[in-house]
Structure formats: C-alpha cells, structure tokens
Amino acid sequence: MYEKISEPIDVIASFRNQKMEPVVFKWANHHYHIKRVHLIHSERIGREKFLYFSVSDGANAYRLSFSTETLLWRLEDMAQI
C-alpha cells in the first residue's frame, strides 16, 4: 500500500540517450540510491508539465515527480516492497 508523502526532495539525475533518470534522492536527511526505474510518464496541468518516475531502492518503492516549469522535485508516494 502506498503512503502519500508529497514533500520536496533533492535529486541527482543522469542524462543518457536523451532521457533523464533520477539516481539518488535526499529526503529527511537520508540518501536513497535508486536501483531501478520501473516507469516514467508525464502529465500536463495547465502550462506546467510534470514527469513522474516510479523507482525502487531494493527495500521500498517510490513515486517521484519533477516539474519542468519550476525544476523542483517531490517525493509523492512511498511503499514497502
């Protein structure tokens, strides 16, 4: 079951083959190293475009969002695997 978080995070991302993928994110003074990106999708809300990344670190699954307008990252949801 996913738990709603919706908090800002810091992210280190990789840019390969014209794709952006998060590699590490920092939340609540802890670094989470992403082992797998499961799904990437986008959504428009008004003029703002959001990219959503469903990722996991081996212990938990996370849904991260990135705003192409504000360039801010958020941890949207989290679930134990």
N, C-alpha and C. Protein backbone atom coordinates (compact mmCIF):
# COMPACT_ATOMS: atom_id res chain seq x y z
N MET A 1 0.84 -1.18 0.00
CA MET A 1 0.00 0.00 0.00
C MET A 1 0.88 1.25 0.00
N TYR A 2 0.58 2.16 -0.90
CA TYR A 2 1.36 3.39 -0.98
C TYR A 2 0.92 4.39 0.08
N GLU A 3 1.91 5.08 0.64
CA GLU A 3 1.68 6.14 1.62
C GLU A 3 1.97 7.47 0.95
N LYS A 4 1.03 8.41 1.02
CA LYS A 4 1.20 9.72 0.41
C LYS A 4 2.21 10.52 1.23
N ILE A 5 3.23 11.08 0.56
CA ILE A 5 4.27 11.87 1.22
C ILE A 5 4.17 13.33 0.78
N SER A 6 4.29 13.58 -0.51
CA SER A 6 4.19 14.91 -1.12
C SER A 6 5.08 15.96 -0.45
N GLU A 7 6.39 15.66 -0.42
CA GLU A 7 7.37 16.58 0.16
C GLU A 7 8.49 16.85 -0.83
N PRO A 8 9.09 18.05 -0.76
CA PRO A 8 10.20 18.36 -1.66
C PRO A 8 11.43 17.52 -1.33
N ILE A 9 12.19 17.18 -2.38
CA ILE A 9 13.41 16.40 -2.22
C ILE A 9 14.51 16.99 -3.10
N ASP A 10 15.75 16.62 -2.80
CA ASP A 10 16.89 16.93 -3.66
C ASP A 10 17.22 15.68 -4.45
N VAL A 11 17.57 15.84 -5.73
CA VAL A 11 17.79 14.69 -6.61
C VAL A 11 19.07 14.88 -7.41
N ILE A 12 19.82 13.80 -7.55
CA ILE A 12 20.90 13.73 -8.52
C ILE A 12 20.36 12.87 -9.66
N ALA A 13 20.41 13.42 -10.88
CA ALA A 13 19.84 12.73 -12.03
C ALA A 13 20.91 12.49 -13.09
N SER A 14 20.67 11.47 -13.89
CA SER A 14 21.54 11.12 -15.00
C SER A 14 20.83 11.47 -16.30
N PHE A 15 21.60 11.95 -17.27
CA PHE A 15 21.06 12.25 -18.59
C PHE A 15 21.78 11.37 -19.60
N ARG A 16 21.07 10.33 -20.12
CA ARG A 16 21.64 9.40 -21.08
C ARG A 16 20.64 9.14 -22.18
N ASN A 17 21.13 9.04 -23.39
CA ASN A 17 20.28 8.72 -24.55
C ASN A 17 19.03 9.60 -24.60
N GLN A 18 19.21 10.88 -24.38
CA GLN A 18 18.14 11.88 -24.41
C GLN A 18 17.05 11.60 -23.39
N LYS A 19 17.40 10.94 -22.26
CA LYS A 19 16.47 10.66 -21.17
C LYS A 19 17.06 11.13 -19.85
N MET A 20 16.19 11.60 -18.98
CA MET A 20 16.60 11.96 -17.64
C MET A 20 16.08 10.89 -16.69
N GLU A 21 16.97 10.41 -15.79
CA GLU A 21 16.57 9.43 -14.79
C GLU A 21 17.18 9.79 -13.45
N PRO A 22 16.39 9.75 -12.38
CA PRO A 22 16.96 10.01 -11.05
C PRO A 22 17.88 8.86 -10.63
N VAL A 23 18.96 9.21 -9.93
CA VAL A 23 19.94 8.22 -9.49
C VAL A 23 19.94 8.12 -7.96
N VAL A 24 19.93 9.28 -7.30
CA VAL A 24 19.93 9.37 -5.84
C VAL A 24 19.00 10.50 -5.45
N PHE A 25 18.23 10.31 -4.36
CA PHE A 25 17.48 11.44 -3.84
C PHE A 25 17.67 11.54 -2.33
N LYS A 26 17.57 12.78 -1.84
CA LYS A 26 17.74 13.05 -0.42
C LYS A 26 16.40 13.49 0.15
N TRP A 27 15.98 12.79 1.19
CA TRP A 27 14.72 13.12 1.88
C TRP A 27 14.93 12.89 3.37
N ALA A 28 14.55 13.86 4.17
CA ALA A 28 14.66 13.77 5.64
C ALA A 28 16.09 13.41 6.06
N ASN A 29 17.06 14.11 5.48
CA ASN A 29 18.49 13.91 5.80
C ASN A 29 18.99 12.48 5.56
N HIS A 30 18.37 11.77 4.64
CA HIS A 30 18.82 10.43 4.29
C HIS A 30 18.90 10.33 2.77
N HIS A 31 19.95 9.67 2.27
CA HIS A 31 20.13 9.48 0.84
C HIS A 31 19.60 8.11 0.42
N TYR A 32 18.81 8.09 -0.64
CA TYR A 32 18.22 6.87 -1.18
C TYR A 32 18.81 6.64 -2.57
N HIS A 33 19.52 5.52 -2.74
CA HIS A 33 20.15 5.19 -4.02
C HIS A 33 19.18 4.33 -4.83
N ILE A 34 18.78 4.85 -5.97
CA ILE A 34 17.80 4.18 -6.81
C ILE A 34 18.46 3.04 -7.57
N LYS A 35 17.91 1.85 -7.39
CA LYS A 35 18.44 0.67 -8.08
C LYS A 35 17.73 0.41 -9.40
N ARG A 36 16.45 0.81 -9.47
CA ARG A 36 15.69 0.52 -10.69
C ARG A 36 14.63 1.58 -10.94
N VAL A 37 14.53 1.99 -12.20
CA VAL A 37 13.44 2.87 -12.65
C VAL A 37 12.44 1.96 -13.34
N HIS A 38 11.23 1.89 -12.80
CA HIS A 38 10.22 0.97 -13.33
C HIS A 38 9.35 1.60 -14.42
N LEU A 39 9.03 2.88 -14.24
CA LEU A 39 8.10 3.53 -15.16
C LEU A 39 8.35 5.03 -15.15
N ILE A 40 8.23 5.64 -16.33
CA ILE A 40 8.30 7.10 -16.47
C ILE A 40 7.09 7.53 -17.27
N HIS A 41 6.36 8.51 -16.76
CA HIS A 41 5.25 9.07 -17.55
C HIS A 41 5.13 10.56 -17.25
N SER A 42 4.38 11.26 -18.09
CA SER A 42 4.24 12.70 -17.93
C SER A 42 2.76 13.09 -17.87
N GLU A 43 2.55 14.31 -17.36
CA GLU A 43 1.20 14.84 -17.24
C GLU A 43 1.28 16.36 -17.33
N ARG A 44 0.32 16.95 -17.99
CA ARG A 44 0.23 18.42 -18.05
C ARG A 44 -0.88 18.89 -17.13
N ILE A 45 -0.55 19.90 -16.34
CA ILE A 45 -1.55 20.59 -15.51
C ILE A 45 -1.42 22.06 -15.88
N GLY A 46 -2.37 22.55 -16.70
CA GLY A 46 -2.24 23.89 -17.25
C GLY A 46 -1.05 23.93 -18.19
N ARG A 47 -0.19 24.92 -18.01
CA ARG A 47 1.00 25.01 -18.86
C ARG A 47 2.18 24.24 -18.29
N GLU A 48 2.02 23.75 -17.07
CA GLU A 48 3.11 23.05 -16.39
C GLU A 48 3.10 21.56 -16.74
N LYS A 49 4.28 21.02 -17.07
CA LYS A 49 4.42 19.60 -17.37
C LYS A 49 5.16 18.93 -16.21
N PHE A 50 4.64 17.80 -15.77
CA PHE A 50 5.26 17.03 -14.70
C PHE A 50 5.72 15.69 -15.26
N LEU A 51 6.91 15.27 -14.86
CA LEU A 51 7.41 13.94 -15.16
C LEU A 51 7.33 13.13 -13.89
N TYR A 52 6.83 11.91 -13.98
CA TYR A 52 6.69 11.03 -12.82
C TYR A 52 7.58 9.81 -13.02
N PHE A 53 8.32 9.45 -11.99
CA PHE A 53 9.23 8.33 -12.02
C PHE A 53 8.85 7.35 -10.92
N SER A 54 8.52 6.13 -11.29
CA SER A 54 8.28 5.06 -10.32
C SER A 54 9.59 4.31 -10.19
N VAL A 55 10.19 4.35 -8.99
CA VAL A 55 11.52 3.82 -8.77
C VAL A 55 11.55 2.95 -7.51
N SER A 56 12.64 2.20 -7.34
CA SER A 56 12.82 1.43 -6.12
C SER A 56 14.30 1.40 -5.74
N ASP A 57 14.53 1.16 -4.45
CA ASP A 57 15.90 1.07 -3.94
C ASP A 57 16.22 -0.32 -3.40
N GLY A 58 15.36 -1.28 -3.66
CA GLY A 58 15.55 -2.64 -3.19
C GLY A 58 14.73 -2.94 -1.94
N ALA A 59 14.42 -1.93 -1.15
CA ALA A 59 13.62 -2.10 0.07
C ALA A 59 12.25 -1.46 -0.04
N ASN A 60 12.19 -0.34 -0.77
CA ASN A 60 10.95 0.42 -0.90
C ASN A 60 10.74 0.87 -2.34
N ALA A 61 9.50 1.18 -2.67
CA ALA A 61 9.14 1.75 -3.97
C ALA A 61 8.72 3.20 -3.74
N TYR A 62 9.05 4.07 -4.69
CA TYR A 62 8.77 5.49 -4.56
C TYR A 62 8.21 6.02 -5.87
N ARG A 63 7.43 7.08 -5.76
CA ARG A 63 7.00 7.82 -6.96
C ARG A 63 7.50 9.24 -6.79
N LEU A 64 8.40 9.65 -7.70
CA LEU A 64 8.98 10.98 -7.68
C LEU A 64 8.36 11.81 -8.79
N SER A 65 8.22 13.11 -8.55
CA SER A 65 7.74 13.99 -9.61
C SER A 65 8.74 15.11 -9.84
N PHE A 66 8.78 15.57 -11.09
CA PHE A 66 9.66 16.67 -11.49
C PHE A 66 8.85 17.66 -12.31
N SER A 67 8.86 18.93 -11.90
CA SER A 67 8.16 19.98 -12.63
C SER A 67 9.12 20.61 -13.63
N THR A 68 8.77 20.58 -14.92
CA THR A 68 9.61 21.19 -15.93
C THR A 68 9.51 22.71 -15.91
N GLU A 69 8.51 23.24 -15.23
CA GLU A 69 8.33 24.70 -15.12
C GLU A 69 9.18 25.27 -13.99
N THR A 70 9.11 24.65 -12.81
CA THR A 70 9.83 25.17 -11.63
C THR A 70 11.15 24.45 -11.37
N LEU A 71 11.36 23.30 -12.04
CA LEU A 71 12.55 22.46 -11.88
C LEU A 71 12.67 21.90 -10.47
N LEU A 72 11.53 21.69 -9.81
CA LEU A 72 11.52 21.15 -8.46
C LEU A 72 11.10 19.69 -8.46
N TRP A 73 11.72 18.92 -7.57
CA TRP A 73 11.41 17.51 -7.37
C TRP A 73 10.58 17.33 -6.12
N ARG A 74 9.71 16.31 -6.12
CA ARG A 74 8.91 15.95 -4.95
C ARG A 74 8.85 14.43 -4.81
N LEU A 75 8.86 13.98 -3.58
CA LEU A 75 8.55 12.58 -3.28
C LEU A 75 7.05 12.52 -3.08
N GLU A 76 6.35 11.90 -4.00
CA GLU A 76 4.89 11.87 -3.95
C GLU A 76 4.37 10.74 -3.06
N ASP A 77 4.87 9.52 -3.30
CA ASP A 77 4.36 8.34 -2.58
C ASP A 77 5.52 7.41 -2.27
N MET A 78 5.27 6.53 -1.28
CA MET A 78 6.28 5.54 -0.88
C MET A 78 5.55 4.28 -0.42
N ALA A 79 6.14 3.10 -0.71
CA ALA A 79 5.56 1.81 -0.28
C ALA A 79 6.68 0.83 0.00
N GLN A 80 6.45 -0.03 0.97
CA GLN A 80 7.41 -1.11 1.23
C GLN A 80 7.21 -2.20 0.20
N ILE A 81 8.30 -2.78 -0.23
CA ILE A 81 8.25 -3.86 -1.23
C ILE A 81 8.00 -5.18 -0.52
